C-alpha atoms as a PDB file:
ATOM      1  CA  MET A   1     -79.830  -8.162  61.967  1.00  0.00           C
ATOM      2  CA  ASN A   2     -80.675  -9.087  58.108  1.00  0.00           C
ATOM      3  CA  VAL A   3     -77.244  -8.958  56.399  1.00  0.00           C
ATOM      4  CA  GLU A   4     -79.055  -9.145  53.072  1.00  0.00           C
ATOM      5  CA  ASN A   5     -80.755  -5.873  53.803  1.00  0.00           C
ATOM      6  CA  LEU A   6     -77.501  -4.146  54.866  1.00  0.00           C
ATOM      7  CA  VAL A   7     -75.875  -5.303  51.586  1.00  0.00           C
ATOM      8  CA  THR A   8     -78.763  -3.942  49.537  1.00  0.00           C
ATOM      9  CA  MET A   9     -78.531  -0.623  51.494  1.00  0.00           C
ATOM     10  CA  ALA A  10     -74.593  -0.468  51.278  1.00  0.00           C
ATOM     11  CA  ASN A  11     -74.967  -1.096  47.645  1.00  0.00           C
ATOM     12  CA  GLN A  12     -77.445   1.865  47.164  1.00  0.00           C
ATOM     13  CA  ILE A  13     -75.205   4.044  48.963  1.00  0.00           C
ATOM     14  CA  GLY A  14     -72.216   2.958  46.651  1.00  0.00           C
ATOM     15  CA  SER A  15     -74.369   3.499  43.481  1.00  0.00           C
ATOM     16  CA  PHE A  16     -74.799   7.118  44.601  1.00  0.00           C
ATOM     17  CA  TYR A  17     -71.121   7.883  45.568  1.00  0.00           C
ATOM     18  CA  GLU A  18     -69.825   5.819  42.679  1.00  0.00           C
ATOM     19  CA  THR A  19     -70.874   8.665  40.316  1.00  0.00           C
ATOM     20  CA  MET A  20     -68.477  11.145  41.974  1.00  0.00           C
ATOM     21  CA  PRO A  21     -65.605  12.118  39.599  1.00  0.00           C
ATOM     22  CA  ASP A  22     -62.751  11.588  42.152  1.00  0.00           C
ATOM     23  CA  ARG A  23     -62.618   7.948  42.906  1.00  0.00           C
ATOM     24  CA  ALA A  24     -60.609   8.320  46.164  1.00  0.00           C
ATOM     25  CA  THR A  25     -63.079  10.967  47.699  1.00  0.00           C
ATOM     26  CA  ALA A  26     -65.848   8.743  46.738  1.00  0.00           C
ATOM     27  CA  LEU A  27     -64.722   5.779  48.305  1.00  0.00           C
ATOM     28  CA  ALA A  28     -64.019   7.600  51.648  1.00  0.00           C
ATOM     29  CA  ASP A  29     -67.407   9.509  51.351  1.00  0.00           C
ATOM     30  CA  SER A  30     -69.261   6.022  51.003  1.00  0.00           C
ATOM     31  CA  ALA A  31     -67.423   4.608  54.095  1.00  0.00           C
ATOM     32  CA  ASN A  32     -68.154   7.917  56.096  1.00  0.00           C
ATOM     33  CA  HIS A  33     -71.652   7.631  55.100  1.00  0.00           C
ATOM     34  CA  ILE A  34     -72.099   4.347  56.505  1.00  0.00           C
ATOM     35  CA  LYS A  35     -70.005   5.346  59.566  1.00  0.00           C
ATOM     36  CA  LYS A  36     -72.295   8.542  60.224  1.00  0.00           C
ATOM     37  CA  PHE A  37     -75.641   7.155  59.506  1.00  0.00           C
ATOM     38  CA  TRP A  38     -75.457   3.338  60.329  1.00  0.00           C
ATOM     39  CA  GLU A  39     -75.507   2.337  64.086  1.00  0.00           C
ATOM     40  CA  PRO A  40     -72.694   0.253  65.383  1.00  0.00           C
ATOM     41  CA  ARG A  41     -74.453  -2.924  65.391  1.00  0.00           C
ATOM     42  CA  MET A  42     -75.163  -2.586  61.672  1.00  0.00           C
ATOM     43  CA  ARG A  43     -71.670  -1.786  60.976  1.00  0.00           C
ATOM     44  CA  ARG A  44     -70.329  -4.746  63.166  1.00  0.00           C
ATOM     45  CA  ALA A  45     -72.794  -7.265  61.199  1.00  0.00           C
ATOM     46  CA  LEU A  46     -71.563  -6.009  57.802  1.00  0.00           C
ATOM     47  CA  LEU A  47     -68.066  -6.270  58.745  1.00  0.00           C
ATOM     48  CA  ALA A  48     -68.606  -9.883  60.274  1.00  0.00           C
ATOM     49  CA  TYR A  49     -70.462 -10.746  57.073  1.00  0.00           C
ATOM     50  CA  LEU A  50     -67.357  -9.800  55.185  1.00  0.00           C
ATOM     51  CA  ASP A  51     -64.949 -11.456  57.244  1.00  0.00           C
ATOM     52  CA  GLU A  52     -66.831 -14.865  57.120  1.00  0.00           C
ATOM     53  CA  ALA A  53     -68.343 -14.726  53.404  1.00  0.00           C
ATOM     54  CA  LYS A  54     -66.291 -16.530  50.649  1.00  0.00           C
ATOM     55  CA  GLU A  55     -68.401 -14.542  48.185  1.00  0.00           C
ATOM     56  CA  THR A  56     -70.345 -11.288  48.446  1.00  0.00           C
ATOM     57  CA  GLU A  57     -73.214  -9.465  46.927  1.00  0.00           C
ATOM     58  CA  LEU A  58     -71.628  -6.272  47.565  1.00  0.00           C
ATOM     59  CA  SER A  59     -70.681  -4.323  44.587  1.00  0.00           C
ATOM     60  CA  PRO A  60     -67.131  -3.949  43.746  1.00  0.00           C
ATOM     61  CA  PHE A  61     -67.061  -0.424  44.517  1.00  0.00           C
ATOM     62  CA  VAL A  62     -68.614  -0.843  47.958  1.00  0.00           C
ATOM     63  CA  LEU A  63     -66.158  -3.710  48.741  1.00  0.00           C
ATOM     64  CA  GLU A  64     -63.267  -1.513  47.913  1.00  0.00           C
ATOM     65  CA  ALA A  65     -64.717   1.370  50.021  1.00  0.00           C
ATOM     66  CA  ILE A  66     -65.019  -0.768  53.028  1.00  0.00           C
ATOM     67  CA  GLN A  67     -61.844  -2.477  52.712  1.00  0.00           C
ATOM     68  CA  SER A  68     -59.666   0.386  51.977  1.00  0.00           C
ATOM     69  CA  HIS A  69     -61.497   2.241  54.861  1.00  0.00           C
ATOM     70  CA  ARG A  70     -62.326  -0.421  57.329  1.00  0.00           C
ATOM     71  CA  SER A  71     -60.644   1.460  60.246  1.00  0.00           C
ATOM     72  CA  LEU A  72     -63.350   4.386  59.873  1.00  0.00           C
ATOM     73  CA  LEU A  73     -66.010   1.779  60.425  1.00  0.00           C
END
């Protein structure tokens, strides 16, 4: 699983949801989108990357969405 591609896709998803006026809903919807449309091994790879990386290329919005809604993933 290419984590760089996952990071790029997650950032694209985040770019869309970040424009929503209600930030809390946008964060939840972003995480829900990943849960709904990514297969489990993609989600596991992204979470493992976050657990191991000292720095990440994830946008601050996506990072917040994943960290605050990790239990959904």
